Amino acid sequence: MKTLVAQRLWRWNLVAGLLTTIIGVMVLAWPGPPILIASTLFGVYLLISGLAELTVAFTMHRSAATRVMFFISGATSLVLAILALRLYGNGYAVPLLALWLGIGFLLQGSAGVAAGIGARNLPDRGWYIVAGIVSVIAGIVVLVWPFDSITALTLAAGIWLLVIGISQLVLGFQTRKAASTAHRFLDGSAEHPAAQ
């Protein structure tokens, strides 16, 4: 059963890492995109990550506190995605977009740290904690740094999306390795019950 959960987790982390990295590259490819393009890309990121976190909250067998954290993070990310996708080029658009991104990064990072700390049987749970801390740091930077232009915001957010995406990819491969090792161990112990 634990290997089944690990197999799902590594796939989710790999897909999330790829999507986050692609969105980070897209954001960095357009230096100073119009606010509508930036808010759409960030909104898509928040939408995908929010849906994924809600799925994790309802399908993975974890502690109640971890599931609640994933639910809060996912629901908030969906709300922030809707707000980002409805954003128009008003004078307050850049600070609002920075606020929404920062909150999204903070909540996603907090959920990752909670998963790493709360799930003692999670394969390579240290990587969940590291990826969560990276996301929390990204949230703090985006919230604290005074962005006065969409160019500065997209540059900072694009770099952080790349860092978060790469950490999710590493996490996915580490979880896959742990799941594969556990699967081989379980297969080996089933074939040789006398060796136990």
C-alpha atoms as a PDB file:
ATOM      1  CA  MET A   1       0.000   0.000   0.000  1.00  0.00           C
ATOM      2  CA  LYS A   2       2.818   2.404   0.883  1.00  0.00           C
ATOM      3  CA  THR A   3       4.502   1.760  -2.462  1.00  0.00           C
ATOM      4  CA  LEU A   4       1.234   2.608  -4.255  1.00  0.00           C
ATOM      5  CA  VAL A   5       1.129   5.968  -2.450  1.00  0.00           C
ATOM      6  CA  ALA A   6       4.794   6.586  -3.279  1.00  0.00           C
ATOM      7  CA  GLN A   7       4.161   5.777  -6.951  1.00  0.00           C
ATOM      8  CA  ARG A   8       1.350   8.337  -7.052  1.00  0.00           C
ATOM      9  CA  LEU A   9       3.454  10.924  -5.223  1.00  0.00           C
ATOM     10  CA  TRP A  10       6.461  10.726  -7.511  1.00  0.00           C
ATOM     11  CA  ARG A  11       4.259  11.087 -10.586  1.00  0.00           C
ATOM     12  CA  TRP A  12       2.436  14.073  -9.094  1.00  0.00           C
ATOM     13  CA  ASN A  13       5.735  15.735  -8.144  1.00  0.00           C
ATOM     14  CA  LEU A  14       7.197  15.084 -11.579  1.00  0.00           C
ATOM     15  CA  VAL A  15       4.158  16.551 -13.377  1.00  0.00           C
ATOM     16  CA  ALA A  16       3.983  19.522 -10.971  1.00  0.00           C
ATOM     17  CA  GLY A  17       7.703  20.140 -11.385  1.00  0.00           C
ATOM     18  CA  LEU A  18       7.499  20.025 -15.172  1.00  0.00           C
ATOM     19  CA  LEU A  19       4.484  22.353 -15.315  1.00  0.00           C
ATOM     20  CA  THR A  20       5.983  24.793 -12.811  1.00  0.00           C
ATOM     21  CA  THR A  21       9.299  24.832 -14.685  1.00  0.00           C
ATOM     22  CA  ILE A  22       7.547  25.362 -18.041  1.00  0.00           C
ATOM     23  CA  ILE A  23       5.483  28.241 -16.647  1.00  0.00           C
ATOM     24  CA  GLY A  24       8.660  29.720 -15.105  1.00  0.00           C
ATOM     25  CA  VAL A  25      10.428  29.563 -18.468  1.00  0.00           C
ATOM     26  CA  MET A  26       7.405  31.102 -20.216  1.00  0.00           C
ATOM     27  CA  VAL A  27       7.298  33.962 -17.699  1.00  0.00           C
ATOM     28  CA  LEU A  28      11.031  34.592 -18.122  1.00  0.00           C
ATOM     29  CA  ALA A  29      10.796  34.364 -21.939  1.00  0.00           C
ATOM     30  CA  TRP A  30       8.654  37.526 -22.030  1.00  0.00           C
ATOM     31  CA  PRO A  31      10.562  40.227 -20.187  1.00  0.00           C
ATOM     32  CA  GLY A  32       7.949  42.734 -19.124  1.00  0.00           C
ATOM     33  CA  PRO A  33       4.830  41.076 -20.541  1.00  0.00           C
ATOM     34  CA  PRO A  34       1.598  42.964 -20.431  1.00  0.00           C
ATOM     35  CA  ILE A  35      -0.235  42.546 -17.141  1.00  0.00           C
ATOM     36  CA  LEU A  36      -2.914  40.421 -18.792  1.00  0.00           C
ATOM     37  CA  ILE A  37      -0.385  37.812 -19.999  1.00  0.00           C
ATOM     38  CA  ALA A  38       1.444  37.764 -16.654  1.00  0.00           C
ATOM     39  CA  SER A  39      -1.753  37.430 -14.642  1.00  0.00           C
ATOM     40  CA  THR A  40      -2.949  34.659 -16.977  1.00  0.00           C
ATOM     41  CA  LEU A  41       0.287  32.660 -16.616  1.00  0.00           C
ATOM     42  CA  PHE A  42       0.348  33.096 -12.834  1.00  0.00           C
ATOM     43  CA  GLY A  43      -3.358  32.319 -12.670  1.00  0.00           C
ATOM     44  CA  VAL A  44      -2.817  29.079 -14.596  1.00  0.00           C
ATOM     45  CA  TYR A  45      -0.010  28.135 -12.177  1.00  0.00           C
ATOM     46  CA  LEU A  46      -2.230  28.798  -9.156  1.00  0.00           C
ATOM     47  CA  LEU A  47      -5.147  26.942 -10.758  1.00  0.00           C
ATOM     48  CA  ILE A  48      -3.120  23.802 -11.542  1.00  0.00           C
ATOM     49  CA  SER A  49      -1.394  23.735  -8.163  1.00  0.00           C
ATOM     50  CA  GLY A  50      -4.689  24.404  -6.352  1.00  0.00           C
ATOM     51  CA  LEU A  51      -6.463  21.545  -8.113  1.00  0.00           C
ATOM     52  CA  ALA A  52      -3.553  19.224  -7.414  1.00  0.00           C
ATOM     53  CA  GLU A  53      -3.486  20.126  -3.715  1.00  0.00           C
ATOM     54  CA  LEU A  54      -7.237  19.576  -3.396  1.00  0.00           C
ATOM     55  CA  THR A  55      -6.793  16.176  -5.038  1.00  0.00           C
ATOM     56  CA  VAL A  56      -4.042  15.311  -2.566  1.00  0.00           C
ATOM     57  CA  ALA A  57      -6.222  16.507   0.332  1.00  0.00           C
ATOM     58  CA  PHE A  58      -9.055  14.171  -0.627  1.00  0.00           C
ATOM     59  CA  THR A  59      -7.223  11.123  -1.992  1.00  0.00           C
ATOM     60  CA  MET A  60      -3.998  10.611  -0.046  1.00  0.00           C
ATOM     61  CA  HIS A  61      -4.011   8.846   3.296  1.00  0.00           C
ATOM     62  CA  ARG A  62      -2.285  11.337   5.581  1.00  0.00           C
ATOM     63  CA  SER A  63      -2.846  12.865   8.965  1.00  0.00           C
ATOM     64  CA  ALA A  64      -5.914  15.065   9.367  1.00  0.00           C
ATOM     65  CA  ALA A  65      -3.763  18.165   9.938  1.00  0.00           C
ATOM     66  CA  THR A  66      -1.822  17.582   6.713  1.00  0.00           C
ATOM     67  CA  ARG A  67      -5.017  16.993   4.724  1.00  0.00           C
ATOM     68  CA  VAL A  68      -6.569  20.176   6.160  1.00  0.00           C
ATOM     69  CA  MET A  69      -3.427  22.141   5.250  1.00  0.00           C
ATOM     70  CA  PHE A  70      -3.532  20.826   1.678  1.00  0.00           C
ATOM     71  CA  PHE A  71      -7.252  21.635   1.468  1.00  0.00           C
ATOM     72  CA  ILE A  72      -6.752  25.217   2.710  1.00  0.00           C
ATOM     73  CA  SER A  73      -3.790  25.717   0.385  1.00  0.00           C
ATOM     74  CA  GLY A  74      -5.626  24.251  -2.617  1.00  0.00           C
ATOM     75  CA  ALA A  75      -8.859  26.178  -2.025  1.00  0.00           C
ATOM     76  CA  THR A  76      -6.970  29.436  -1.491  1.00  0.00           C
ATOM     77  CA  SER A  77      -4.896  28.832  -4.630  1.00  0.00           C
ATOM     78  CA  LEU A  78      -8.108  28.354  -6.636  1.00  0.00           C
ATOM     79  CA  VAL A  79      -9.535  31.625  -5.306  1.00  0.00           C
ATOM     80  CA  LEU A  80      -6.251  33.420  -6.038  1.00  0.00           C
ATOM     81  CA  ALA A  81      -6.193  31.886  -9.542  1.00  0.00           C
ATOM     82  CA  ILE A  82      -9.666  33.247 -10.263  1.00  0.00           C
ATOM     83  CA  LEU A  83      -8.623  36.675  -9.012  1.00  0.00           C
ATOM     84  CA  ALA A  84      -5.407  36.610 -11.056  1.00  0.00           C
ATOM     85  CA  LEU A  85      -7.257  35.529 -14.201  1.00  0.00           C
ATOM     86  CA  ARG A  86      -9.742  38.399 -13.781  1.00  0.00           C
ATOM     87  CA  LEU A  87      -6.990  40.981 -13.232  1.00  0.00           C
ATOM     88  CA  TYR A  88      -6.900  43.927 -15.587  1.00  0.00           C
ATOM     89  CA  GLY A  89      -4.182  46.498 -16.253  1.00  0.00           C
ATOM     90  CA  ASN A  90      -5.133  48.865 -13.451  1.00  0.00           C
ATOM     91  CA  GLY A  91      -2.570  50.841 -11.463  1.00  0.00           C
ATOM     92  CA  TYR A  92      -2.860  48.484  -8.497  1.00  0.00           C
ATOM     93  CA  ALA A  93      -2.501  45.330 -10.577  1.00  0.00           C
ATOM     94  CA  VAL A  94       1.209  44.687  -9.899  1.00  0.00           C
ATOM     95  CA  PRO A  95       0.990  44.869  -6.083  1.00  0.00           C
ATOM     96  CA  LEU A  96      -2.173  42.738  -6.076  1.00  0.00           C
ATOM     97  CA  LEU A  97      -0.606  40.133  -8.349  1.00  0.00           C
ATOM     98  CA  ALA A  98       2.505  40.060  -6.132  1.00  0.00           C
ATOM     99  CA  LEU A  99       0.285  39.628  -3.071  1.00  0.00           C
ATOM    100  CA  TRP A 100      -1.639  36.740  -4.656  1.00  0.00           C
ATOM    101  CA  LEU A 101       1.515  34.987  -5.835  1.00  0.00           C
ATOM    102  CA  GLY A 102       3.239  35.440  -2.485  1.00  0.00           C
ATOM    103  CA  ILE A 103       0.279  34.025  -0.578  1.00  0.00           C
ATOM    104  CA  GLY A 104       0.050  31.113  -3.029  1.00  0.00           C
ATOM    105  CA  PHE A 105       3.762  30.291  -2.634  1.00  0.00           C
ATOM    106  CA  LEU A 106       3.510  30.547   1.177  1.00  0.00           C
ATOM    107  CA  LEU A 107       0.504  28.242   1.441  1.00  0.00           C
ATOM    108  CA  GLN A 108       1.895  25.665  -0.972  1.00  0.00           C
ATOM    109  CA  GLY A 109       5.209  25.652   0.850  1.00  0.00           C
ATOM    110  CA  SER A 110       3.510  25.319   4.225  1.00  0.00           C
ATOM    111  CA  ALA A 111       1.510  22.344   2.927  1.00  0.00           C
ATOM    112  CA  GLY A 112       4.706  20.686   1.674  1.00  0.00           C
ATOM    113  CA  VAL A 113       6.474  21.187   4.993  1.00  0.00           C
ATOM    114  CA  ALA A 114       3.402  19.884   6.853  1.00  0.00           C
ATOM    115  CA  ALA A 115       3.362  16.787   4.631  1.00  0.00           C
ATOM    116  CA  GLY A 116       7.058  16.165   5.227  1.00  0.00           C
ATOM    117  CA  ILE A 117       6.805  16.582   8.984  1.00  0.00           C
ATOM    118  CA  GLY A 118       3.430  14.912   9.480  1.00  0.00           C
ATOM    119  CA  ALA A 119       3.818  11.794   7.356  1.00  0.00           C
ATOM    120  CA  ARG A 120       6.519   9.730   9.050  1.00  0.00           C
ATOM    121  CA  ASN A 121       6.243   6.909   6.490  1.00  0.00           C
ATOM    122  CA  LEU A 122       6.536   9.222   3.468  1.00  0.00           C
ATOM    123  CA  PRO A 123       9.496   8.180   1.277  1.00  0.00           C
ATOM    124  CA  ASP A 124      12.251  10.790   1.289  1.00  0.00           C
ATOM    125  CA  ARG A 125      10.123  13.146   3.343  1.00  0.00           C
ATOM    126  CA  GLY A 126      13.113  15.438   3.821  1.00  0.00           C
ATOM    127  CA  TRP A 127      12.757  16.485   0.188  1.00  0.00           C
ATOM    128  CA  TYR A 128       9.150  17.517   0.855  1.00  0.00           C
ATOM    129  CA  ILE A 129      10.381  19.728   3.660  1.00  0.00           C
ATOM    130  CA  VAL A 130      13.139  21.225   1.471  1.00  0.00           C
ATOM    131  CA  ALA A 131      10.753  21.889  -1.444  1.00  0.00           C
ATOM    132  CA  GLY A 132       8.246  23.423   0.987  1.00  0.00           C
ATOM    133  CA  ILE A 133      10.892  25.692   2.501  1.00  0.00           C
ATOM    134  CA  VAL A 134      11.942  26.840  -0.993  1.00  0.00           C
ATOM    135  CA  SER A 135       8.323  27.728  -1.764  1.00  0.00           C
ATOM    136  CA  VAL A 136       7.903  29.559   1.575  1.00  0.00           C
ATOM    137  CA  ILE A 137      11.068  31.584   0.884  1.00  0.00           C
ATOM    138  CA  ALA A 138       9.709  32.418  -2.587  1.00  0.00           C
ATOM    139  CA  GLY A 139       6.463  33.614  -1.005  1.00  0.00           C
ATOM    140  CA  ILE A 140       8.298  35.804   1.480  1.00  0.00           C
ATOM    141  CA  VAL A 141      10.495  37.322  -1.246  1.00  0.00           C
ATOM    142  CA  VAL A 142       7.519  38.065  -3.499  1.00  0.00           C
ATOM    143  CA  LEU A 143       5.529  39.581  -0.603  1.00  0.00           C
ATOM    144  CA  VAL A 144       8.339  41.639   0.929  1.00  0.00           C
ATOM    145  CA  TRP A 145      10.165  42.870  -2.167  1.00  0.00           C
ATOM    146  CA  PRO A 146       8.736  46.206  -3.383  1.00  0.00           C
ATOM    147  CA  PHE A 147       7.810  45.517  -6.992  1.00  0.00           C
ATOM    148  CA  ASP A 148       6.989  48.690  -8.865  1.00  0.00           C
ATOM    149  CA  SER A 149       6.793  47.192 -12.333  1.00  0.00           C
ATOM    150  CA  ILE A 150       5.444  44.074 -13.962  1.00  0.00           C
ATOM    151  CA  THR A 151       8.925  43.424 -15.374  1.00  0.00           C
ATOM    152  CA  ALA A 152      10.480  43.162 -11.911  1.00  0.00           C
ATOM    153  CA  LEU A 153       7.610  41.012 -10.640  1.00  0.00           C
ATOM    154  CA  THR A 154       7.720  38.597 -13.587  1.00  0.00           C
ATOM    155  CA  LEU A 155      11.505  38.298 -13.354  1.00  0.00           C
ATOM    156  CA  ALA A 156      11.404  37.470  -9.628  1.00  0.00           C
ATOM    157  CA  ALA A 157       8.379  35.173  -9.912  1.00  0.00           C
ATOM    158  CA  GLY A 158       9.788  33.444 -13.008  1.00  0.00           C
ATOM    159  CA  ILE A 159      13.067  32.694 -11.240  1.00  0.00           C
ATOM    160  CA  TRP A 160      11.207  31.374  -8.184  1.00  0.00           C
ATOM    161  CA  LEU A 161       8.925  29.258 -10.372  1.00  0.00           C
ATOM    162  CA  LEU A 162      12.040  27.694 -11.930  1.00  0.00           C
ATOM    163  CA  VAL A 163      13.578  27.031  -8.495  1.00  0.00           C
ATOM    164  CA  ILE A 164      10.328  25.544  -7.170  1.00  0.00           C
ATOM    165  CA  GLY A 165       9.841  23.485 -10.351  1.00  0.00           C
ATOM    166  CA  ILE A 166      13.361  22.070 -10.213  1.00  0.00           C
ATOM    167  CA  SER A 167      12.974  21.211  -6.519  1.00  0.00           C
ATOM    168  CA  GLN A 168       9.685  19.426  -7.340  1.00  0.00           C
ATOM    169  CA  LEU A 169      11.435  17.476 -10.116  1.00  0.00           C
ATOM    170  CA  VAL A 170      14.213  16.415  -7.730  1.00  0.00           C
ATOM    171  CA  LEU A 171      11.563  15.460  -5.176  1.00  0.00           C
ATOM    172  CA  GLY A 172       9.714  13.389  -7.782  1.00  0.00           C
ATOM    173  CA  PHE A 173      12.827  11.466  -8.794  1.00  0.00           C
ATOM    174  CA  GLN A 174      13.863  10.900  -5.158  1.00  0.00           C
ATOM    175  CA  THR A 175      10.377   9.607  -4.297  1.00  0.00           C
ATOM    176  CA  ARG A 176      10.443   7.347  -7.366  1.00  0.00           C
ATOM    177  CA  LYS A 177      13.788   5.929  -6.283  1.00  0.00           C
ATOM    178  CA  ALA A 178      12.475   5.266  -2.762  1.00  0.00           C
ATOM    179  CA  ALA A 179       9.290   3.649  -4.122  1.00  0.00           C
ATOM    180  CA  SER A 180      11.291   1.452  -6.475  1.00  0.00           C
ATOM    181  CA  THR A 181      13.586   0.346  -3.638  1.00  0.00           C
ATOM    182  CA  ALA A 182      10.603  -0.418  -1.402  1.00  0.00           C
ATOM    183  CA  HIS A 183       8.884  -2.335  -4.213  1.00  0.00           C
ATOM    184  CA  ARG A 184      12.026  -4.438  -4.881  1.00  0.00           C
ATOM    185  CA  PHE A 185      12.387  -5.114  -1.164  1.00  0.00           C
ATOM    186  CA  LEU A 186       8.762  -6.200  -0.850  1.00  0.00           C
ATOM    187  CA  ASP A 187       9.021  -8.400  -3.943  1.00  0.00           C
ATOM    188  CA  GLY A 188      12.198  -9.976  -2.619  1.00  0.00           C
ATOM    189  CA  SER A 189      10.720 -10.675   0.819  1.00  0.00           C
ATOM    190  CA  ALA A 190       7.601 -12.230  -0.755  1.00  0.00           C
ATOM    191  CA  GLU A 191       9.751 -14.588  -2.840  1.00  0.00           C
ATOM    192  CA  HIS A 192      11.911 -15.663   0.103  1.00  0.00           C
ATOM    193  CA  PRO A 193       9.635 -15.857   3.185  1.00  0.00           C
ATOM    194  CA  ALA A 194      12.060 -18.150   5.045  1.00  0.00           C
ATOM    195  CA  ALA A 195      14.741 -15.432   4.951  1.00  0.00           C
ATOM    196  CA  GLN A 196      12.610 -13.183   7.086  1.00  0.00           C
END
